[in-house]
Protein backbone atom coordinates (compact mmCIF):
# COMPACT_ATOMS: atom_id res chain seq x y z
CA MET A 1 -21.77 -10.06 47.02
CA ASN A 2 -25.27 -12.18 46.95
CA THR A 3 -26.15 -13.96 50.64
CA TYR A 4 -24.32 -17.13 48.86
CA LEU A 5 -21.55 -15.21 48.18
CA GLU A 6 -21.34 -13.53 50.82
CA LYS A 7 -21.65 -17.66 53.41
CA GLU A 8 -18.81 -18.75 50.74
CA PHE A 9 -16.63 -15.51 51.56
CA HIS A 10 -16.88 -15.49 55.19
CA LYS A 11 -15.07 -18.39 55.23
CA LEU A 12 -11.42 -17.05 54.11
CA VAL A 13 -12.88 -13.94 56.93
CA LYS A 14 -13.32 -17.30 58.97
CA ILE A 15 -9.57 -18.35 58.74
CA LEU A 16 -7.81 -14.55 58.93
CA ASN A 17 -9.28 -13.85 62.41
CA ASP A 18 -7.97 -17.59 63.63
CA MET A 19 -4.87 -16.76 62.33
CA LYS A 20 -5.22 -12.88 64.04
CA ASP A 21 -5.44 -15.29 66.64
CA ILE A 22 -2.76 -17.70 67.01
CA ILE A 23 -0.72 -14.46 66.16
CA HIS A 24 -1.54 -12.59 69.21
CA LYS A 25 -0.66 -15.42 71.38
CA ILE A 26 2.67 -15.75 69.01
CA LEU A 27 3.64 -12.27 69.72
CA ASP A 28 2.88 -12.00 73.29
CA TYR A 29 5.30 -14.96 74.34
CA THR A 30 6.96 -13.01 71.45
CA GLY A 31 7.28 -10.30 74.05
CA LYS A 32 7.31 -11.99 77.17
CA LEU A 33 11.29 -13.47 76.78
CA PHE A 34 12.10 -9.99 76.58
CA SER A 35 10.38 -9.43 80.21
CA GLU A 36 10.07 -12.44 81.85
CA PRO A 37 13.98 -13.95 83.59
CA ASN A 38 12.59 -17.32 85.02
CA GLU A 39 14.05 -19.69 82.80
CA ASP A 40 11.75 -22.49 82.29
CA PHE A 41 9.08 -20.34 81.63
CA ARG A 42 10.75 -19.10 78.80
CA ARG A 43 11.65 -22.54 77.60
CA ASP A 44 7.80 -23.44 77.71
CA ALA A 45 7.61 -20.10 76.25
CA ARG A 46 9.81 -21.41 73.48
CA LYS A 47 7.95 -24.78 72.60
CA ASN A 48 4.37 -23.18 72.23
CA ILE A 49 5.52 -20.44 69.97
CA GLU A 50 7.18 -22.99 67.22
CA GLU A 51 3.64 -25.24 68.64
CA LEU A 52 1.74 -21.79 66.94
CA ILE A 53 4.27 -20.70 64.53
CA ASN A 54 3.70 -24.56 63.37
CA THR A 55 -0.07 -24.18 63.47
CA ILE A 56 0.15 -21.19 61.87
CA GLU A 57 1.44 -22.64 58.62
CA ILE A 58 -0.88 -25.50 58.29
CA ILE A 59 -3.76 -22.68 58.23
CA ARG A 60 -2.45 -20.39 55.72
CA ARG A 61 -1.76 -23.25 53.28
CA ASP A 62 -5.30 -24.52 53.93
CA ALA A 63 -6.53 -21.05 53.52
CA PHE A 64 -4.06 -20.61 49.96
CA ILE A 65 -6.17 -23.29 48.80
CA GLU A 66 -9.78 -22.62 49.96
CA ALA A 67 -9.15 -19.01 48.06
CA LEU A 68 -7.74 -20.51 45.14
CA ILE A 69 -11.40 -22.84 44.85
CA TYR A 70 -13.55 -19.52 45.78
CA ILE A 71 -11.82 -17.73 43.12
CA ALA A 72 -11.79 -21.30 40.83
CA ARG A 73 -15.93 -21.28 41.34
CA PHE A 74 -16.96 -17.88 41.35
CA GLN A 75 -14.92 -16.16 39.41
CA PRO A 76 -14.96 -12.72 41.23
CA LEU A 77 -14.04 -9.76 39.22
CA GLY A 78 -12.95 -6.27 40.04
CA ARG A 79 -13.03 -5.14 43.48
CA GLU A 80 -14.03 -8.80 44.98
CA LEU A 81 -11.08 -10.28 43.06
CA LYS A 82 -9.00 -7.62 44.36
CA LEU A 83 -10.12 -8.32 47.77
CA VAL A 84 -9.74 -11.97 47.63
CA GLU A 85 -6.23 -11.71 46.72
CA ALA A 86 -5.42 -9.00 49.43
CA TYR A 87 -6.30 -11.13 52.06
CA ILE A 88 -3.89 -14.29 50.63
CA ASN A 89 -1.25 -11.29 51.12
CA VAL A 90 -2.47 -10.90 54.78
CA TYR A 91 -2.54 -14.32 55.35
CA TYR A 92 1.21 -14.14 54.39
CA ASP A 93 2.05 -11.38 56.70
CA ILE A 94 0.90 -12.71 59.18
CA TYR A 95 2.89 -15.82 58.71
CA ARG A 96 5.99 -13.77 57.90
CA ILE A 97 5.56 -12.61 61.10
CA SER A 98 5.14 -15.87 63.04
CA ARG A 99 8.58 -16.32 61.51
CA TYR A 100 10.31 -13.73 62.71
CA CYS A 101 9.23 -14.16 65.64
CA GLY A 102 10.56 -18.18 65.55
CA GLU A 103 13.67 -16.12 64.90
CA ILE A 104 13.54 -13.93 67.80
CA SER A 105 13.15 -17.28 70.33
CA ARG A 106 15.81 -18.99 68.05
CA ILE A 107 18.23 -16.26 68.92
CA ASP A 108 17.23 -16.31 73.33
CA ASN A 109 17.73 -20.03 72.46
CA ILE A 110 21.22 -20.52 71.34
CA ILE A 111 22.83 -16.74 72.31
CA ASP A 112 21.42 -14.70 75.04
CA ASN A 113 18.47 -14.08 77.16
CA PHE A 114 16.61 -10.22 76.81
CA THR A 115 15.39 -9.88 79.94
CA ASN A 116 18.74 -8.01 81.01
CA GLU A 117 18.63 -3.86 80.42
CA THR A 118 20.88 -3.85 77.61
CA PHE A 119 17.64 -5.31 75.81
CA HIS A 120 15.82 -2.20 76.97
CA ASP A 121 14.97 0.17 73.24
CA LEU A 122 15.07 -4.10 71.44
CA ARG A 123 12.02 -4.82 74.35
CA GLU A 124 10.59 -0.92 73.59
CA GLY A 125 10.43 -1.62 69.44
CA PHE A 126 9.51 -5.45 69.99
CA ILE A 127 6.14 -3.49 72.34
CA TRP A 128 6.26 -1.10 69.20
CA ALA A 129 5.97 -3.86 67.26
CA THR A 130 3.57 -5.82 67.80
CA GLU A 131 0.85 -2.32 68.19
CA MET A 132 1.11 -1.97 64.81
CA VAL A 133 0.39 -5.91 63.58
CA LYS A 134 -2.33 -5.54 65.76
CA LEU A 135 -3.59 -2.71 64.73
CA ALA A 136 -2.99 -3.49 61.30
CA ILE A 137 -4.55 -6.80 61.25
CA GLN A 138 -8.11 -4.36 62.85
CA SER A 139 -7.50 -2.43 60.35
CA PHE A 140 -7.67 -4.57 57.77
CA ILE A 141 -10.73 -6.72 59.52
CA GLU A 142 -12.55 -3.79 60.07
CA ASN A 143 -11.68 -2.05 56.70
CA ASN A 144 -10.76 0.89 58.62
CA ILE A 145 -8.59 3.65 57.07
CA ASP A 146 -8.08 5.95 60.15
CA ILE A 147 -6.19 3.58 61.52
CA ALA A 148 -4.12 1.77 58.96
CA ARG A 149 -3.31 5.42 58.10
CA LYS A 150 -2.19 4.83 61.98
CA VAL A 151 -0.10 2.51 60.89
CA LEU A 152 2.60 3.85 57.80
CA ASP A 153 2.92 6.59 60.86
CA MET A 154 4.27 3.85 63.61
CA ASP A 155 6.76 2.77 61.01
CA ASN A 156 9.69 5.06 61.01
CA LYS A 157 10.74 4.26 64.89
CA LEU A 158 11.42 0.96 63.64
CA ASP A 159 12.92 1.49 60.61
CA ASN A 160 14.93 4.63 63.04
CA LEU A 161 15.54 1.97 64.99
CA TYR A 162 17.63 -0.73 62.90
CA ILE A 163 19.21 1.82 60.71
CA SER A 164 21.20 3.22 64.26
CA TYR A 165 22.41 -0.05 65.14
CA LEU A 166 23.80 -0.58 61.70
CA LYS A 167 25.67 2.70 61.90
CA LYS A 168 26.94 1.69 65.75
CA LEU A 169 28.11 -1.54 64.32
CA LYS A 170 28.90 0.19 61.04
CA GLU A 171 32.20 2.56 63.82
CA MET A 172 32.64 -0.33 65.51
CA GLU A 173 36.17 -2.38 64.53
CA LYS A 174 35.03 -5.28 66.71
CA VAL A 175 31.48 -6.56 66.83
CA PRO A 176 30.45 -7.91 70.53
CA LYS A 177 28.83 -11.16 70.51
CA TYR A 178 25.64 -9.18 72.14
CA PHE A 179 26.15 -6.39 69.78
CA ALA A 180 25.48 -8.50 66.94
CA ALA A 181 22.41 -10.60 68.49
CA LYS A 182 20.91 -7.12 68.90
CA THR A 183 21.72 -5.84 65.71
CA ILE A 184 19.92 -9.28 64.12
CA LEU A 185 16.64 -8.25 66.29
CA ALA A 186 16.59 -4.93 65.86
CA ARG A 187 16.12 -6.42 61.65
CA HIS A 188 13.73 -9.06 63.09
CA ILE A 189 11.58 -6.71 64.56
CA GLU A 190 11.45 -4.21 62.08
CA ARG A 191 10.38 -6.85 59.59
CA ILE A 192 7.93 -7.37 62.08
CA GLY A 193 7.13 -3.98 61.11
CA ASP A 194 7.60 -3.78 57.34
CA HIS A 195 4.53 -6.51 57.23
CA ALA A 196 2.30 -4.75 59.32
CA THR A 197 2.18 -1.95 56.93
CA TYR A 198 2.53 -3.93 54.29
CA ILE A 199 -1.20 -5.49 55.93
CA ALA A 200 -2.60 -1.30 56.78
CA GLU A 201 -0.81 -0.40 53.03
CA LYS A 202 -3.81 -3.37 51.42
CA VAL A 203 -7.06 -1.07 53.65
CA LEU A 204 -5.53 2.00 51.50
CA ASP A 205 -5.97 0.02 48.69
CA LEU A 206 -8.91 -1.60 48.38
CA ASN A 207 -10.36 2.09 49.09
CA MET A 208 -8.69 3.89 46.77
């Protein structure tokens, strides 16, 4: 890749770094919903989550256009084209992660708050998912295969968490409101982990 191409491609890299900073904030605010009992703080956190999601959506749309312009102008082939496609997909994965955080925030607002001990396993699950996302994005930016593999190895924990809720749900004749909410939350957390693995898988794919 020549110097001019590198300069133009750096625009895509910068977009990813901007999205990384925002998704870190969203994950932090969402995580606080599982630990911060103060309702004023929680209300502000939910508002911040919504605003940051809107920002990520705008950036993702602009990023998609920027990537298409890059492809149209420079007509990359082989690995270069594959890399641009990977960036487009990672932008989408980060956007989807933000949306699942938004759904978690919405459940917190409508149904219940998550600070009591009945949500302890989900709090731990969200912390785990957050770490997966951060490592996955790091692995992509640094093209680090070892970190990417670590993310893939972490995924089973969230899958098992969600499956455990489905099994318990199957055994219940009547489902309590709080348990229905917890099952939905477990699904959202599991999906956040899935998108982290998608990002990590792209690192491995680019290095095949």
